[in-house]
């Protein structure tokens, strides 16, 4: 079925929902439920390559009407929305508005991280503009939106120009939500893996809690790209 439609109504969207149900895999759905844990809506079990293929077809048609019609009542529909927003060729101001609307719908780590990955092209084209906009996410009272800000930084801004400020922003987030702290630890570990000499001082000069520090050290020690000596040095920084 072609999804590059010139118009989207409730009828066309129901056809898409029916197709997603047909493409679902029960075993994969059970696997997704185990790792995602939050089940505020159904998880059908449609694999990501299939969703990406559908999304790429959608953006060839009337993507704006699709976004306005979509109800996102399943996990896969939310992933599809994220990918469509990322794949679209819209102007930056339109993208930013769509992103701000979508992040309010995020309520699990899988959709959060898929969204942050899917918007790579928009960020690459508007690096500095989105860098400033991330501050809005980091200052949000919504835990998941804060995670969006952190995951966007670790996915797209751990590089020479932004590194110091990325670490400062990470340190400035004070939030006890598990998935926010996991994102902070992941960001620290990723930055260390890429720039060990520049990031090591941050592991001794920050205001993050003990759990986040130890989780970051654990993640670094799991990396094959970090030397045994560097791992040993980081382990000495663990708090008793």
C-alpha atoms as a PDB file:
ATOM      1  CA  UNK A   1       0.000   0.000   0.000  1.00  0.00           C
ATOM      2  CA  UNK A   2       1.225   3.493  -0.890  1.00  0.00           C
ATOM      3  CA  UNK A   3       1.570   5.935   2.021  1.00  0.00           C
ATOM      4  CA  UNK A   4       2.704   9.040   0.111  1.00  0.00           C
ATOM      5  CA  UNK A   5      -0.843  10.376   0.212  1.00  0.00           C
ATOM      6  CA  UNK A   6      -1.912  13.819  -0.944  1.00  0.00           C
ATOM      7  CA  UNK A   7      -4.418  13.986   1.894  1.00  0.00           C
ATOM      8  CA  UNK A   8      -4.928  12.258   5.226  1.00  0.00           C
ATOM      9  CA  UNK A   9      -8.356  11.823   6.787  1.00  0.00           C
ATOM     10  CA  UNK A  10      -9.577   9.554   9.539  1.00  0.00           C
ATOM     11  CA  UNK A  11     -10.259   6.891   6.910  1.00  0.00           C
ATOM     12  CA  UNK A  12      -6.678   6.842   5.614  1.00  0.00           C
ATOM     13  CA  UNK A  13      -5.290   6.871   9.116  1.00  0.00           C
ATOM     14  CA  UNK A  14      -7.419   3.878  10.123  1.00  0.00           C
ATOM     15  CA  UNK A  15      -6.002   2.046   7.104  1.00  0.00           C
ATOM     16  CA  UNK A  16      -2.517   2.761   8.405  1.00  0.00           C
ATOM     17  CA  UNK A  17      -3.442   1.514  11.874  1.00  0.00           C
ATOM     18  CA  UNK A  18      -4.825  -1.667  10.339  1.00  0.00           C
ATOM     19  CA  UNK A  19      -1.600  -2.148   8.378  1.00  0.00           C
ATOM     20  CA  UNK A  20       0.498  -1.715  11.521  1.00  0.00           C
ATOM     21  CA  UNK A  21      -1.554  -4.406  13.206  1.00  0.00           C
ATOM     22  CA  UNK A  22      -0.972  -6.701  10.235  1.00  0.00           C
ATOM     23  CA  UNK A  23       2.785  -6.055  10.431  1.00  0.00           C
ATOM     24  CA  UNK A  24       2.971  -6.728  14.162  1.00  0.00           C
ATOM     25  CA  UNK A  25       4.923  -9.656  15.608  1.00  0.00           C
ATOM     26  CA  UNK A  26       3.746 -11.081  18.931  1.00  0.00           C
ATOM     27  CA  UNK A  27       7.171 -12.270  20.098  1.00  0.00           C
ATOM     28  CA  UNK A  28       8.767  -8.937  19.238  1.00  0.00           C
ATOM     29  CA  UNK A  29       5.964  -7.113  21.052  1.00  0.00           C
ATOM     30  CA  UNK A  30       6.597  -9.183  24.196  1.00  0.00           C
ATOM     31  CA  UNK A  31      10.317  -8.402  23.949  1.00  0.00           C
ATOM     32  CA  UNK A  32       9.614  -4.673  23.608  1.00  0.00           C
ATOM     33  CA  UNK A  33       7.266  -4.741  26.594  1.00  0.00           C
ATOM     34  CA  UNK A  34       9.970  -6.327  28.751  1.00  0.00           C
ATOM     35  CA  UNK A  35      12.615  -3.722  27.946  1.00  0.00           C
ATOM     36  CA  UNK A  36      10.392  -0.638  27.775  1.00  0.00           C
ATOM     37  CA  UNK A  37       8.383  -1.523  30.895  1.00  0.00           C
ATOM     38  CA  UNK A  38       6.068   1.494  30.696  1.00  0.00           C
ATOM     39  CA  UNK A  39       2.834   0.455  29.008  1.00  0.00           C
ATOM     40  CA  UNK A  40       0.581   3.491  28.904  1.00  0.00           C
ATOM     41  CA  UNK A  41      -0.558   2.371  25.435  1.00  0.00           C
ATOM     42  CA  UNK A  42      -0.354  -0.803  23.318  1.00  0.00           C
ATOM     43  CA  UNK A  43       2.944  -2.075  21.929  1.00  0.00           C
ATOM     44  CA  UNK A  44       2.181  -3.866  18.671  1.00  0.00           C
ATOM     45  CA  UNK A  45       5.598  -5.263  17.832  1.00  0.00           C
ATOM     46  CA  UNK A  46       6.406  -3.655  14.473  1.00  0.00           C
ATOM     47  CA  UNK A  47      10.112  -3.487  13.759  1.00  0.00           C
ATOM     48  CA  UNK A  48      11.895  -0.170  13.278  1.00  0.00           C
ATOM     49  CA  UNK A  49      13.062  -0.728   9.642  1.00  0.00           C
ATOM     50  CA  UNK A  50       9.432  -1.189   8.621  1.00  0.00           C
ATOM     51  CA  UNK A  51       8.374   1.984  10.427  1.00  0.00           C
ATOM     52  CA  UNK A  52      11.210   3.924   8.785  1.00  0.00           C
ATOM     53  CA  UNK A  53      10.143   2.720   5.363  1.00  0.00           C
ATOM     54  CA  UNK A  54       6.553   3.819   5.954  1.00  0.00           C
ATOM     55  CA  UNK A  55       7.698   7.186   7.327  1.00  0.00           C
ATOM     56  CA  UNK A  56       9.834   7.876   4.275  1.00  0.00           C
ATOM     57  CA  UNK A  57       6.812   7.261   2.070  1.00  0.00           C
ATOM     58  CA  UNK A  58       4.619   9.530   4.208  1.00  0.00           C
ATOM     59  CA  UNK A  59       6.982  12.512   3.882  1.00  0.00           C
ATOM     60  CA  UNK A  60       6.779  12.238   0.096  1.00  0.00           C
ATOM     61  CA  UNK A  61       3.110  13.160   0.410  1.00  0.00           C
ATOM     62  CA  UNK A  62       1.174  15.494   2.694  1.00  0.00           C
ATOM     63  CA  UNK A  63       3.188  15.056   5.877  1.00  0.00           C
ATOM     64  CA  UNK A  64       1.606  18.069   7.593  1.00  0.00           C
ATOM     65  CA  UNK A  65      -1.872  16.627   7.263  1.00  0.00           C
ATOM     66  CA  UNK A  66      -0.579  13.278   8.474  1.00  0.00           C
ATOM     67  CA  UNK A  67       0.849  14.893  11.611  1.00  0.00           C
ATOM     68  CA  UNK A  68      -2.440  16.673  12.236  1.00  0.00           C
ATOM     69  CA  UNK A  69      -4.473  13.483  11.735  1.00  0.00           C
ATOM     70  CA  UNK A  70      -2.307  11.030  13.667  1.00  0.00           C
ATOM     71  CA  UNK A  71      -3.769   9.926  16.996  1.00  0.00           C
ATOM     72  CA  UNK A  72      -0.712   8.050  18.268  1.00  0.00           C
ATOM     73  CA  UNK A  73      -2.635   5.523  20.345  1.00  0.00           C
ATOM     74  CA  UNK A  74       0.085   2.862  20.070  1.00  0.00           C
ATOM     75  CA  UNK A  75       3.829   2.757  20.673  1.00  0.00           C
ATOM     76  CA  UNK A  76       4.488   2.259  16.976  1.00  0.00           C
ATOM     77  CA  UNK A  77       2.360   5.242  15.988  1.00  0.00           C
ATOM     78  CA  UNK A  78       4.424   7.446  18.272  1.00  0.00           C
ATOM     79  CA  UNK A  79       7.630   6.092  16.778  1.00  0.00           C
ATOM     80  CA  UNK A  80       6.208   6.769  13.333  1.00  0.00           C
ATOM     81  CA  UNK A  81       5.449  10.366  14.291  1.00  0.00           C
ATOM     82  CA  UNK A  82       9.009  10.809  15.546  1.00  0.00           C
ATOM     83  CA  UNK A  83      10.498   9.448  12.337  1.00  0.00           C
ATOM     84  CA  UNK A  84       8.214  11.518  10.089  1.00  0.00           C
ATOM     85  CA  UNK A  85       9.240  14.691  11.920  1.00  0.00           C
ATOM     86  CA  UNK A  86      12.886  13.739  11.489  1.00  0.00           C
ATOM     87  CA  UNK A  87      12.599  12.752   7.824  1.00  0.00           C
ATOM     88  CA  UNK A  88      10.652  15.825   6.732  1.00  0.00           C
ATOM     89  CA  UNK A  89      12.336  18.574   4.711  1.00  0.00           C
ATOM     90  CA  UNK A  90      10.478  21.449   6.363  1.00  0.00           C
ATOM     91  CA  UNK A  91      11.942  24.801   7.389  1.00  0.00           C
ATOM     92  CA  UNK A  92      13.619  25.013  10.786  1.00  0.00           C
ATOM     93  CA  UNK A  93      10.861  27.022  12.465  1.00  0.00           C
ATOM     94  CA  UNK A  94       8.290  24.428  11.388  1.00  0.00           C
ATOM     95  CA  UNK A  95      10.525  21.608  12.614  1.00  0.00           C
ATOM     96  CA  UNK A  96      11.053  23.312  15.963  1.00  0.00           C
ATOM     97  CA  UNK A  97       7.309  23.749  16.476  1.00  0.00           C
ATOM     98  CA  UNK A  98       6.683  20.112  15.535  1.00  0.00           C
ATOM     99  CA  UNK A  99       9.434  18.955  17.883  1.00  0.00           C
ATOM    100  CA  UNK A 100       8.042  21.003  20.770  1.00  0.00           C
ATOM    101  CA  UNK A 101       4.621  19.509  20.220  1.00  0.00           C
ATOM    102  CA  UNK A 102       5.931  15.950  19.936  1.00  0.00           C
ATOM    103  CA  UNK A 103       8.145  15.917  23.043  1.00  0.00           C
ATOM    104  CA  UNK A 104       5.009  16.468  25.151  1.00  0.00           C
ATOM    105  CA  UNK A 105       3.791  13.059  23.957  1.00  0.00           C
ATOM    106  CA  UNK A 106       6.914  11.187  25.074  1.00  0.00           C
ATOM    107  CA  UNK A 107       6.506   8.942  28.095  1.00  0.00           C
ATOM    108  CA  UNK A 108       9.081   6.200  27.662  1.00  0.00           C
ATOM    109  CA  UNK A 109      12.793   6.009  26.924  1.00  0.00           C
ATOM    110  CA  UNK A 110      12.391   4.159  23.617  1.00  0.00           C
ATOM    111  CA  UNK A 111      10.279   6.870  21.974  1.00  0.00           C
ATOM    112  CA  UNK A 112      12.501   9.560  23.501  1.00  0.00           C
ATOM    113  CA  UNK A 113      15.704   8.088  22.126  1.00  0.00           C
ATOM    114  CA  UNK A 114      14.194   7.227  18.737  1.00  0.00           C
ATOM    115  CA  UNK A 115      13.043  10.830  18.363  1.00  0.00           C
ATOM    116  CA  UNK A 116      16.457  12.234  19.311  1.00  0.00           C
ATOM    117  CA  UNK A 117      18.112   9.978  16.744  1.00  0.00           C
ATOM    118  CA  UNK A 118      15.564  10.638  14.002  1.00  0.00           C
ATOM    119  CA  UNK A 119      16.067  14.428  13.980  1.00  0.00           C
ATOM    120  CA  UNK A 120      19.746  14.187  13.052  1.00  0.00           C
ATOM    121  CA  UNK A 121      19.321  15.909   9.666  1.00  0.00           C
ATOM    122  CA  UNK A 122      17.496  18.900  11.139  1.00  0.00           C
ATOM    123  CA  UNK A 123      20.107  19.360  13.840  1.00  0.00           C
ATOM    124  CA  UNK A 124      22.961  19.058  11.344  1.00  0.00           C
ATOM    125  CA  UNK A 125      21.416  21.824   9.210  1.00  0.00           C
ATOM    126  CA  UNK A 126      20.602  24.062  12.199  1.00  0.00           C
ATOM    127  CA  UNK A 127      23.250  23.124  14.748  1.00  0.00           C
ATOM    128  CA  UNK A 128      23.537  26.386  16.672  1.00  0.00           C
ATOM    129  CA  UNK A 129      19.840  27.224  16.588  1.00  0.00           C
ATOM    130  CA  UNK A 130      18.830  23.867  18.057  1.00  0.00           C
ATOM    131  CA  UNK A 131      21.714  24.023  20.534  1.00  0.00           C
ATOM    132  CA  UNK A 132      20.109  27.091  22.049  1.00  0.00           C
ATOM    133  CA  UNK A 133      16.653  25.532  21.905  1.00  0.00           C
ATOM    134  CA  UNK A 134      17.803  22.495  23.903  1.00  0.00           C
ATOM    135  CA  UNK A 135      17.945  24.761  26.959  1.00  0.00           C
ATOM    136  CA  UNK A 136      14.135  24.910  26.909  1.00  0.00           C
ATOM    137  CA  UNK A 137      14.042  21.121  27.200  1.00  0.00           C
ATOM    138  CA  UNK A 138      16.635  20.943  29.963  1.00  0.00           C
ATOM    139  CA  UNK A 139      14.672  23.476  32.026  1.00  0.00           C
ATOM    140  CA  UNK A 140      11.341  21.711  31.556  1.00  0.00           C
ATOM    141  CA  UNK A 141       9.339  20.376  34.495  1.00  0.00           C
ATOM    142  CA  UNK A 142       8.527  17.312  32.380  1.00  0.00           C
ATOM    143  CA  UNK A 143      11.104  14.583  33.145  1.00  0.00           C
ATOM    144  CA  UNK A 144      10.912  13.083  29.677  1.00  0.00           C
ATOM    145  CA  UNK A 145      11.497  16.422  27.969  1.00  0.00           C
ATOM    146  CA  UNK A 146      14.592  16.903  30.135  1.00  0.00           C
ATOM    147  CA  UNK A 147      15.814  13.517  28.912  1.00  0.00           C
ATOM    148  CA  UNK A 148      15.213  14.654  25.320  1.00  0.00           C
ATOM    149  CA  UNK A 149      17.592  17.555  25.914  1.00  0.00           C
ATOM    150  CA  UNK A 150      20.271  15.315  27.398  1.00  0.00           C
ATOM    151  CA  UNK A 151      20.004  12.615  24.725  1.00  0.00           C
ATOM    152  CA  UNK A 152      20.089  15.213  21.950  1.00  0.00           C
ATOM    153  CA  UNK A 153      23.314  16.605  23.407  1.00  0.00           C
ATOM    154  CA  UNK A 154      24.970  13.212  23.745  1.00  0.00           C
ATOM    155  CA  UNK A 155      23.832  12.147  20.277  1.00  0.00           C
ATOM    156  CA  UNK A 156      24.707  15.307  18.347  1.00  0.00           C
ATOM    157  CA  UNK A 157      26.898  17.689  20.360  1.00  0.00           C
ATOM    158  CA  UNK A 158      29.737  15.709  21.932  1.00  0.00           C
ATOM    159  CA  UNK A 159      32.374  17.350  19.787  1.00  0.00           C
ATOM    160  CA  UNK A 160      35.157  19.896  20.209  1.00  0.00           C
ATOM    161  CA  UNK A 161      33.094  23.059  19.852  1.00  0.00           C
ATOM    162  CA  UNK A 162      30.355  22.111  22.306  1.00  0.00           C
ATOM    163  CA  UNK A 163      32.039  19.679  24.715  1.00  0.00           C
ATOM    164  CA  UNK A 164      32.722  21.986  27.655  1.00  0.00           C
ATOM    165  CA  UNK A 165      29.237  23.490  27.602  1.00  0.00           C
ATOM    166  CA  UNK A 166      27.626  20.051  27.154  1.00  0.00           C
ATOM    167  CA  UNK A 167      29.288  18.924  30.399  1.00  0.00           C
ATOM    168  CA  UNK A 168      28.226  22.106  32.185  1.00  0.00           C
ATOM    169  CA  UNK A 169      24.645  21.678  31.050  1.00  0.00           C
ATOM    170  CA  UNK A 170      24.666  18.026  32.096  1.00  0.00           C
ATOM    171  CA  UNK A 171      25.965  18.981  35.542  1.00  0.00           C
ATOM    172  CA  UNK A 172      23.323  21.681  35.857  1.00  0.00           C
ATOM    173  CA  UNK A 173      20.411  19.230  35.552  1.00  0.00           C
ATOM    174  CA  UNK A 174      19.099  18.353  39.016  1.00  0.00           C
ATOM    175  CA  UNK A 175      16.444  15.701  38.597  1.00  0.00           C
ATOM    176  CA  UNK A 176      15.946  12.449  40.503  1.00  0.00           C
ATOM    177  CA  UNK A 177      13.961  10.748  37.744  1.00  0.00           C
ATOM    178  CA  UNK A 178      15.673   7.449  36.907  1.00  0.00           C
ATOM    179  CA  UNK A 179      15.689   7.945  33.128  1.00  0.00           C
ATOM    180  CA  UNK A 180      17.098  11.468  33.445  1.00  0.00           C
ATOM    181  CA  UNK A 181      19.942  10.228  35.645  1.00  0.00           C
ATOM    182  CA  UNK A 182      20.599   7.366  33.234  1.00  0.00           C
ATOM    183  CA  UNK A 183      20.860   9.874  30.389  1.00  0.00           C
ATOM    184  CA  UNK A 184      23.339  11.966  32.389  1.00  0.00           C
ATOM    185  CA  UNK A 185      25.472   8.902  33.105  1.00  0.00           C
ATOM    186  CA  UNK A 186      25.284   7.837  29.461  1.00  0.00           C
ATOM    187  CA  UNK A 187      26.308  11.331  28.351  1.00  0.00           C
ATOM    188  CA  UNK A 188      29.286  11.401  30.739  1.00  0.00           C
ATOM    189  CA  UNK A 189      30.454   7.965  29.609  1.00  0.00           C
ATOM    190  CA  UNK A 190      30.080   8.801  25.913  1.00  0.00           C
ATOM    191  CA  UNK A 191      32.003  12.053  26.327  1.00  0.00           C
ATOM    192  CA  UNK A 192      34.793  10.284  28.231  1.00  0.00           C
ATOM    193  CA  UNK A 193      35.051   7.555  25.620  1.00  0.00           C
ATOM    194  CA  UNK A 194      35.502  10.158  22.895  1.00  0.00           C
ATOM    195  CA  UNK A 195      37.629  12.712  24.795  1.00  0.00           C
ATOM    196  CA  UNK A 196      39.143  10.917  27.820  1.00  0.00           C
ATOM    197  CA  UNK A 197      41.789  13.493  28.692  1.00  0.00           C
ATOM    198  CA  UNK A 198      39.420  16.449  28.444  1.00  0.00           C
ATOM    199  CA  UNK A 199      36.522  14.779  30.248  1.00  0.00           C
ATOM    200  CA  UNK A 200      38.377  13.026  33.060  1.00  0.00           C
ATOM    201  CA  UNK A 201      38.568  16.214  35.203  1.00  0.00           C
ATOM    202  CA  UNK A 202      34.770  16.448  34.999  1.00  0.00           C
ATOM    203  CA  UNK A 203      34.508  13.105  36.794  1.00  0.00           C
ATOM    204  CA  UNK A 204      36.196  14.729  39.816  1.00  0.00           C
ATOM    205  CA  UNK A 205      34.670  18.197  39.519  1.00  0.00           C
ATOM    206  CA  UNK A 206      30.890  17.993  39.224  1.00  0.00           C
ATOM    207  CA  UNK A 207      27.791  18.189  41.425  1.00  0.00           C
ATOM    208  CA  UNK A 208      26.032  15.020  40.287  1.00  0.00           C
ATOM    209  CA  UNK A 209      24.916  12.448  42.839  1.00  0.00           C
ATOM    210  CA  UNK A 210      26.843   9.299  43.692  1.00  0.00           C
ATOM    211  CA  UNK A 211      24.489   6.965  41.802  1.00  0.00           C
ATOM    212  CA  UNK A 212      24.908   8.886  38.532  1.00  0.00           C
ATOM    213  CA  UNK A 213      28.697   9.061  38.915  1.00  0.00           C
ATOM    214  CA  UNK A 214      28.981   5.337  39.580  1.00  0.00           C
ATOM    215  CA  UNK A 215      26.670   4.496  36.677  1.00  0.00           C
ATOM    216  CA  UNK A 216      28.792   6.658  34.359  1.00  0.00           C
ATOM    217  CA  UNK A 217      31.965   4.905  35.512  1.00  0.00           C
ATOM    218  CA  UNK A 218      30.275   1.543  34.994  1.00  0.00           C
ATOM    219  CA  UNK A 219      29.323   2.473  31.438  1.00  0.00           C
ATOM    220  CA  UNK A 220      32.861   3.644  30.645  1.00  0.00           C
ATOM    221  CA  UNK A 221      34.259   0.369  31.996  1.00  0.00           C
ATOM    222  CA  UNK A 222      31.955  -1.557  29.674  1.00  0.00           C
ATOM    223  CA  UNK A 223      33.447   0.169  26.624  1.00  0.00           C
ATOM    224  CA  UNK A 224      36.018  -1.627  24.490  1.00  0.00           C
ATOM    225  CA  UNK A 225      37.387   1.736  23.351  1.00  0.00           C
ATOM    226  CA  UNK A 226      38.763   2.686  26.777  1.00  0.00           C
ATOM    227  CA  UNK A 227      42.097   1.334  28.028  1.00  0.00           C
ATOM    228  CA  UNK A 228      42.392  -0.792  31.167  1.00  0.00           C
ATOM    229  CA  UNK A 229      44.547   1.933  32.705  1.00  0.00           C
ATOM    230  CA  UNK A 230      41.901   4.602  32.118  1.00  0.00           C
ATOM    231  CA  UNK A 231      39.205   2.317  33.520  1.00  0.00           C
ATOM    232  CA  UNK A 232      41.312   1.681  36.599  1.00  0.00           C
ATOM    233  CA  UNK A 233      41.826   5.405  37.152  1.00  0.00           C
ATOM    234  CA  UNK A 234      38.086   6.063  36.950  1.00  0.00           C
ATOM    235  CA  UNK A 235      37.293   3.274  39.423  1.00  0.00           C
ATOM    236  CA  UNK A 236      39.371   5.065  42.039  1.00  0.00           C
ATOM    237  CA  UNK A 237      36.905   7.957  41.838  1.00  0.00           C
ATOM    238  CA  UNK A 238      34.042   5.879  43.209  1.00  0.00           C
ATOM    239  CA  UNK A 239      32.629   7.183  46.468  1.00  0.00           C
ATOM    240  CA  UNK A 240      32.441   4.862  49.444  1.00  0.00           C
END
